[in-house]
Amino acid sequence: MKKKTTPGVAMIGMLILSTAAVRNETYTVDPKLSSLEWTGKKLGGEHSGTIRLSSGTLEWKNDIIKGGKFEIDMTSIENTDLTGEWKAKLEGHLKSPDFFDVAGFPKAAFVINSVTPLKTSGTHGATHTIKGNLTIKGKTNPLSFDAVISHKDHTLSCIGTAVVDRSKYDVKFGSKSFFTDLGDKIIYDEFILKFNVTAKQ
């Protein structure tokens, strides 16, 4: 004799199946496996270096990043193209109130608002556009960039390049956005931030 399934039981069963299908997972950024590289340009030259992530999480739901937040250790700013006294001098200047004032603002942060798949492969094979809010020196502005996002063996990776306009964060030194008599001492407002972020469950 065939058993009848009541509508209520069937609805509960469908709800259980539907809930099971939703994958909502949190991945924790591994600062040791992640890297941030910066490049700043001036009239007639440039400098580059690194800075470290101190922490971060990514929210993974139904095979896509739905959100995330990262904390950047501004005290870790390091120059990699100079040595000795000149290296120390530049690092000290970048950490001073002239630039990022790390004593007053030791942390920066980036919060993801949305991640959208690209219809066609972007620059350097980018797969998604990431939009969010970047906070430096207590000032928050929107930031958008493309990245390669991959997910394998309980590991999320995000690789790409962002262009940041420092003038939006009150970083004034050598900026023609604030000064008109700089001559050949101009330091361009935009700096490049290359990132390779790894997060695991």
C-alpha atoms as a PDB file:
ATOM      1  CA  MET A   1       0.000   0.000   0.000  1.00  0.00           C
ATOM      2  CA  LYS A   2       1.432   3.367  -1.059  1.00  0.00           C
ATOM      3  CA  LYS A   3       1.896   5.910   1.726  1.00  0.00           C
ATOM      4  CA  LYS A   4       0.478   9.369   1.277  1.00  0.00           C
ATOM      5  CA  THR A   5       2.680  12.349   1.982  1.00  0.00           C
ATOM      6  CA  THR A   6       0.865  15.242   3.548  1.00  0.00           C
ATOM      7  CA  PRO A   7       1.503  18.732   2.114  1.00  0.00           C
ATOM      8  CA  GLY A   8       3.015  19.848   5.402  1.00  0.00           C
ATOM      9  CA  VAL A   9       5.564  17.031   5.484  1.00  0.00           C
ATOM     10  CA  ALA A  10       6.455  17.624   1.828  1.00  0.00           C
ATOM     11  CA  MET A  11       6.987  21.336   2.462  1.00  0.00           C
ATOM     12  CA  ILE A  12       9.275  20.630   5.428  1.00  0.00           C
ATOM     13  CA  GLY A  13      11.275  18.200   3.317  1.00  0.00           C
ATOM     14  CA  MET A  14      11.709  20.782   0.551  1.00  0.00           C
ATOM     15  CA  LEU A  15      12.783  23.390   3.094  1.00  0.00           C
ATOM     16  CA  ILE A  16      15.438  21.046   4.512  1.00  0.00           C
ATOM     17  CA  LEU A  17      16.784  20.295   1.039  1.00  0.00           C
ATOM     18  CA  SER A  18      16.794  23.983   0.141  1.00  0.00           C
ATOM     19  CA  THR A  19      18.653  24.933   3.317  1.00  0.00           C
ATOM     20  CA  ALA A  20      21.204  22.177   2.803  1.00  0.00           C
ATOM     21  CA  ALA A  21      21.945  23.480  -0.682  1.00  0.00           C
ATOM     22  CA  VAL A  22      22.986  26.898   0.641  1.00  0.00           C
ATOM     23  CA  ARG A  23      26.716  26.957   1.368  1.00  0.00           C
ATOM     24  CA  ASN A  24      27.581  29.817   3.669  1.00  0.00           C
ATOM     25  CA  GLU A  25      31.178  29.623   4.871  1.00  0.00           C
ATOM     26  CA  THR A  26      33.713  31.962   6.457  1.00  0.00           C
ATOM     27  CA  TYR A  27      37.335  31.894   5.341  1.00  0.00           C
ATOM     28  CA  THR A  28      40.103  33.425   7.432  1.00  0.00           C
ATOM     29  CA  VAL A  29      42.938  35.310   5.737  1.00  0.00           C
ATOM     30  CA  ASP A  30      46.419  33.906   6.308  1.00  0.00           C
ATOM     31  CA  PRO A  31      48.721  36.963   6.560  1.00  0.00           C
ATOM     32  CA  LYS A  32      51.823  34.792   6.112  1.00  0.00           C
ATOM     33  CA  LEU A  33      50.578  33.486   2.763  1.00  0.00           C
ATOM     34  CA  SER A  34      49.249  36.878   1.619  1.00  0.00           C
ATOM     35  CA  SER A  35      51.144  39.854   0.221  1.00  0.00           C
ATOM     36  CA  LEU A  36      50.593  43.526  -0.551  1.00  0.00           C
ATOM     37  CA  GLU A  37      53.038  45.419  -2.765  1.00  0.00           C
ATOM     38  CA  TRP A  38      52.860  49.182  -3.340  1.00  0.00           C
ATOM     39  CA  THR A  39      54.344  51.465  -5.986  1.00  0.00           C
ATOM     40  CA  GLY A  40      54.313  55.248  -5.722  1.00  0.00           C
ATOM     41  CA  LYS A  41      55.444  57.494  -8.554  1.00  0.00           C
ATOM     42  CA  LYS A  42      56.942  60.954  -8.609  1.00  0.00           C
ATOM     43  CA  LEU A  43      58.088  63.259 -11.380  1.00  0.00           C
ATOM     44  CA  GLY A  44      61.034  61.407 -12.892  1.00  0.00           C
ATOM     45  CA  GLY A  45      60.992  58.295 -10.708  1.00  0.00           C
ATOM     46  CA  GLU A  46      59.200  55.885  -8.419  1.00  0.00           C
ATOM     47  CA  HIS A  47      59.557  53.862  -5.220  1.00  0.00           C
ATOM     48  CA  SER A  48      58.105  50.482  -4.268  1.00  0.00           C
ATOM     49  CA  GLY A  49      57.719  48.313  -1.226  1.00  0.00           C
ATOM     50  CA  THR A  50      55.469  46.105   0.843  1.00  0.00           C
ATOM     51  CA  ILE A  51      52.882  46.337   3.603  1.00  0.00           C
ATOM     52  CA  ARG A  52      51.261  43.542   5.600  1.00  0.00           C
ATOM     53  CA  LEU A  53      47.719  42.402   6.250  1.00  0.00           C
ATOM     54  CA  SER A  54      47.134  41.901   9.964  1.00  0.00           C
ATOM     55  CA  SER A  55      43.800  40.053   9.654  1.00  0.00           C
ATOM     56  CA  GLY A  56      40.823  39.436   7.402  1.00  0.00           C
ATOM     57  CA  THR A  57      37.831  37.254   6.563  1.00  0.00           C
ATOM     58  CA  LEU A  58      35.922  36.363   3.398  1.00  0.00           C
ATOM     59  CA  GLU A  59      32.298  35.230   3.296  1.00  0.00           C
ATOM     60  CA  TRP A  60      31.724  32.477   0.717  1.00  0.00           C
ATOM     61  CA  LYS A  61      28.118  31.671  -0.194  1.00  0.00           C
ATOM     62  CA  ASN A  62      26.865  29.514  -3.055  1.00  0.00           C
ATOM     63  CA  ASP A  63      30.239  29.538  -4.818  1.00  0.00           C
ATOM     64  CA  ILE A  64      30.817  33.285  -4.728  1.00  0.00           C
ATOM     65  CA  ILE A  65      32.339  35.800  -2.310  1.00  0.00           C
ATOM     66  CA  LYS A  66      29.452  37.697  -0.715  1.00  0.00           C
ATOM     67  CA  GLY A  67      31.483  39.907   1.594  1.00  0.00           C
ATOM     68  CA  GLY A  68      34.688  40.353   3.477  1.00  0.00           C
ATOM     69  CA  LYS A  69      36.820  42.682   5.553  1.00  0.00           C
ATOM     70  CA  PHE A  70      40.562  43.209   5.885  1.00  0.00           C
ATOM     71  CA  GLU A  71      42.786  45.048   8.341  1.00  0.00           C
ATOM     72  CA  ILE A  72      46.127  46.442   7.145  1.00  0.00           C
ATOM     73  CA  ASP A  73      49.059  47.071   9.471  1.00  0.00           C
ATOM     74  CA  MET A  74      50.225  50.558   8.463  1.00  0.00           C
ATOM     75  CA  THR A  75      53.231  50.324  10.793  1.00  0.00           C
ATOM     76  CA  SER A  76      54.623  47.568   8.537  1.00  0.00           C
ATOM     77  CA  ILE A  77      55.247  49.881   5.551  1.00  0.00           C
ATOM     78  CA  GLU A  78      58.589  48.897   4.041  1.00  0.00           C
ATOM     79  CA  ASN A  79      60.601  50.155   1.065  1.00  0.00           C
ATOM     80  CA  THR A  80      62.280  47.559  -1.180  1.00  0.00           C
ATOM     81  CA  ASP A  81      64.117  49.575  -3.842  1.00  0.00           C
ATOM     82  CA  LEU A  82      66.501  51.477  -1.543  1.00  0.00           C
ATOM     83  CA  THR A  83      69.059  50.369   1.032  1.00  0.00           C
ATOM     84  CA  GLY A  84      70.695  51.682   4.166  1.00  0.00           C
ATOM     85  CA  GLU A  85      70.138  55.285   5.214  1.00  0.00           C
ATOM     86  CA  TRP A  86      67.947  56.176   2.214  1.00  0.00           C
ATOM     87  CA  LYS A  87      65.658  53.206   2.851  1.00  0.00           C
ATOM     88  CA  ALA A  88      65.243  54.125   6.528  1.00  0.00           C
ATOM     89  CA  LYS A  89      64.674  57.774   5.652  1.00  0.00           C
ATOM     90  CA  LEU A  90      61.898  57.000   3.148  1.00  0.00           C
ATOM     91  CA  GLU A  91      60.174  54.519   5.463  1.00  0.00           C
ATOM     92  CA  GLY A  92      60.254  57.045   8.288  1.00  0.00           C
ATOM     93  CA  HIS A  93      58.798  59.736   6.051  1.00  0.00           C
ATOM     94  CA  LEU A  94      55.986  57.473   4.819  1.00  0.00           C
ATOM     95  CA  LYS A  95      55.072  56.678   8.425  1.00  0.00           C
ATOM     96  CA  SER A  96      55.139  60.347   9.487  1.00  0.00           C
ATOM     97  CA  PRO A  97      52.193  62.787   9.556  1.00  0.00           C
ATOM     98  CA  ASP A  98      53.381  64.017   6.121  1.00  0.00           C
ATOM     99  CA  PHE A  99      52.026  60.783   4.691  1.00  0.00           C
ATOM    100  CA  PHE A 100      50.167  58.037   6.577  1.00  0.00           C
ATOM    101  CA  ASP A 101      50.686  59.113  10.205  1.00  0.00           C
ATOM    102  CA  VAL A 102      50.936  55.542  11.468  1.00  0.00           C
ATOM    103  CA  ALA A 103      51.302  56.674  15.101  1.00  0.00           C
ATOM    104  CA  GLY A 104      47.824  58.198  14.940  1.00  0.00           C
ATOM    105  CA  PHE A 105      46.329  55.709  12.481  1.00  0.00           C
ATOM    106  CA  PRO A 106      48.118  52.355  12.845  1.00  0.00           C
ATOM    107  CA  LYS A 107      45.437  50.425  10.944  1.00  0.00           C
ATOM    108  CA  ALA A 108      43.771  50.776   7.548  1.00  0.00           C
ATOM    109  CA  ALA A 109      40.790  48.680   6.464  1.00  0.00           C
ATOM    110  CA  PHE A 110      38.958  47.469   3.378  1.00  0.00           C
ATOM    111  CA  VAL A 111      35.361  46.183   3.488  1.00  0.00           C
ATOM    112  CA  ILE A 112      33.867  44.362   0.487  1.00  0.00           C
ATOM    113  CA  ASN A 113      30.397  45.497  -0.559  1.00  0.00           C
ATOM    114  CA  SER A 114      29.956  43.425  -3.723  1.00  0.00           C
ATOM    115  CA  VAL A 115      31.706  40.930  -5.988  1.00  0.00           C
ATOM    116  CA  THR A 116      30.476  40.656  -9.584  1.00  0.00           C
ATOM    117  CA  PRO A 117      31.630  38.035 -12.120  1.00  0.00           C
ATOM    118  CA  LEU A 118      33.031  39.467 -15.359  1.00  0.00           C
ATOM    119  CA  LYS A 119      31.275  38.367 -18.553  1.00  0.00           C
ATOM    120  CA  THR A 120      34.616  38.080 -20.314  1.00  0.00           C
ATOM    121  CA  SER A 121      38.127  37.643 -18.917  1.00  0.00           C
ATOM    122  CA  GLY A 122      39.567  40.988 -17.835  1.00  0.00           C
ATOM    123  CA  THR A 123      43.114  42.344 -17.620  1.00  0.00           C
ATOM    124  CA  HIS A 124      45.603  39.692 -16.459  1.00  0.00           C
ATOM    125  CA  GLY A 125      42.827  37.105 -16.549  1.00  0.00           C
ATOM    126  CA  ALA A 126      40.613  38.870 -13.999  1.00  0.00           C
ATOM    127  CA  THR A 127      37.406  36.987 -13.224  1.00  0.00           C
ATOM    128  CA  HIS A 128      35.499  39.410 -10.972  1.00  0.00           C
ATOM    129  CA  THR A 129      35.009  43.076 -10.099  1.00  0.00           C
ATOM    130  CA  ILE A 130      35.266  43.844  -6.395  1.00  0.00           C
ATOM    131  CA  LYS A 131      33.692  46.967  -4.914  1.00  0.00           C
ATOM    132  CA  GLY A 132      34.091  48.150  -1.353  1.00  0.00           C
ATOM    133  CA  ASN A 133      35.172  50.882   1.048  1.00  0.00           C
ATOM    134  CA  LEU A 134      38.795  51.648   1.888  1.00  0.00           C
ATOM    135  CA  THR A 135      39.634  53.490   5.109  1.00  0.00           C
ATOM    136  CA  ILE A 136      43.003  55.224   5.561  1.00  0.00           C
ATOM    137  CA  LYS A 137      43.777  57.844   8.232  1.00  0.00           C
ATOM    138  CA  GLY A 138      40.190  57.632   9.424  1.00  0.00           C
ATOM    139  CA  LYS A 139      38.766  58.609   6.027  1.00  0.00           C
ATOM    140  CA  THR A 140      36.597  56.188   4.025  1.00  0.00           C
ATOM    141  CA  ASN A 141      36.109  56.188   0.251  1.00  0.00           C
ATOM    142  CA  PRO A 142      34.746  53.701  -2.289  1.00  0.00           C
ATOM    143  CA  LEU A 143      37.271  51.583  -4.185  1.00  0.00           C
ATOM    144  CA  SER A 144      36.684  49.285  -7.160  1.00  0.00           C
ATOM    145  CA  PHE A 145      39.082  46.922  -8.934  1.00  0.00           C
ATOM    146  CA  ASP A 146      39.226  43.668 -10.888  1.00  0.00           C
ATOM    147  CA  ALA A 147      40.735  40.466  -9.501  1.00  0.00           C
ATOM    148  CA  VAL A 148      41.304  36.792 -10.197  1.00  0.00           C
ATOM    149  CA  ILE A 149      39.313  34.790  -7.645  1.00  0.00           C
ATOM    150  CA  SER A 150      39.814  31.045  -7.278  1.00  0.00           C
ATOM    151  CA  HIS A 151      38.488  28.430  -4.864  1.00  0.00           C
ATOM    152  CA  LYS A 152      40.114  25.035  -4.356  1.00  0.00           C
ATOM    153  CA  ASP A 153      40.618  22.566  -1.510  1.00  0.00           C
ATOM    154  CA  HIS A 154      39.012  24.824   1.128  1.00  0.00           C
ATOM    155  CA  THR A 155      41.262  27.716   0.083  1.00  0.00           C
ATOM    156  CA  LEU A 156      40.208  31.036  -1.440  1.00  0.00           C
ATOM    157  CA  SER A 157      42.689  33.198  -3.315  1.00  0.00           C
ATOM    158  CA  CYS A 158      42.261  36.701  -4.650  1.00  0.00           C
ATOM    159  CA  ILE A 159      44.915  38.280  -6.894  1.00  0.00           C
ATOM    160  CA  GLY A 160      44.780  41.695  -8.534  1.00  0.00           C
ATOM    161  CA  THR A 161      45.777  45.347  -8.626  1.00  0.00           C
ATOM    162  CA  ALA A 162      44.043  48.391  -7.145  1.00  0.00           C
ATOM    163  CA  VAL A 163      44.781  52.047  -7.850  1.00  0.00           C
ATOM    164  CA  VAL A 164      44.378  54.282  -4.791  1.00  0.00           C
ATOM    165  CA  ASP A 165      44.128  58.093  -4.848  1.00  0.00           C
ATOM    166  CA  ARG A 166      45.934  59.182  -1.682  1.00  0.00           C
ATOM    167  CA  SER A 167      44.554  62.733  -1.874  1.00  0.00           C
ATOM    168  CA  LYS A 168      41.146  61.335  -0.860  1.00  0.00           C
ATOM    169  CA  TYR A 169      42.692  60.225   2.435  1.00  0.00           C
ATOM    170  CA  ASP A 170      44.331  63.536   3.367  1.00  0.00           C
ATOM    171  CA  VAL A 171      47.816  62.343   2.393  1.00  0.00           C
ATOM    172  CA  LYS A 172      49.063  65.729   1.222  1.00  0.00           C
ATOM    173  CA  PHE A 173      52.837  65.716   0.923  1.00  0.00           C
ATOM    174  CA  GLY A 174      53.993  66.562  -2.603  1.00  0.00           C
ATOM    175  CA  SER A 175      50.440  66.439  -3.949  1.00  0.00           C
ATOM    176  CA  LYS A 176      49.406  68.926  -6.615  1.00  0.00           C
ATOM    177  CA  SER A 177      45.844  68.487  -5.334  1.00  0.00           C
ATOM    178  CA  PHE A 178      46.866  70.556  -2.303  1.00  0.00           C
ATOM    179  CA  PHE A 179      49.898  72.582  -3.435  1.00  0.00           C
ATOM    180  CA  THR A 180      50.505  74.619  -6.595  1.00  0.00           C
ATOM    181  CA  ASP A 181      54.201  75.519  -6.262  1.00  0.00           C
ATOM    182  CA  LEU A 182      55.818  72.075  -6.203  1.00  0.00           C
ATOM    183  CA  GLY A 183      57.857  72.418  -9.385  1.00  0.00           C
ATOM    184  CA  ASP A 184      59.719  69.152 -10.001  1.00  0.00           C
ATOM    185  CA  LYS A 185      58.905  67.892  -6.474  1.00  0.00           C
ATOM    186  CA  ILE A 186      55.514  66.503  -7.468  1.00  0.00           C
ATOM    187  CA  ILE A 187      54.544  63.085  -6.107  1.00  0.00           C
ATOM    188  CA  TYR A 188      51.569  61.700  -7.995  1.00  0.00           C
ATOM    189  CA  ASP A 189      48.340  61.175  -6.067  1.00  0.00           C
ATOM    190  CA  GLU A 190      47.649  57.681  -7.337  1.00  0.00           C
ATOM    191  CA  PHE A 191      49.642  54.733  -6.046  1.00  0.00           C
ATOM    192  CA  ILE A 192      49.384  51.111  -7.137  1.00  0.00           C
ATOM    193  CA  LEU A 193      48.607  48.302  -4.707  1.00  0.00           C
ATOM    194  CA  LYS A 194      49.180  44.741  -5.939  1.00  0.00           C
ATOM    195  CA  PHE A 195      47.675  42.062  -3.740  1.00  0.00           C
ATOM    196  CA  ASN A 196      47.740  38.297  -3.432  1.00  0.00           C
ATOM    197  CA  VAL A 197      45.411  37.240  -0.636  1.00  0.00           C
ATOM    198  CA  THR A 198      44.984  33.667   0.601  1.00  0.00           C
ATOM    199  CA  ALA A 199      42.195  32.650   2.983  1.00  0.00           C
ATOM    200  CA  LYS A 200      41.381  29.252   4.437  1.00  0.00           C
ATOM    201  CA  GLN A 201      38.539  27.622   6.358  1.00  0.00           C
END
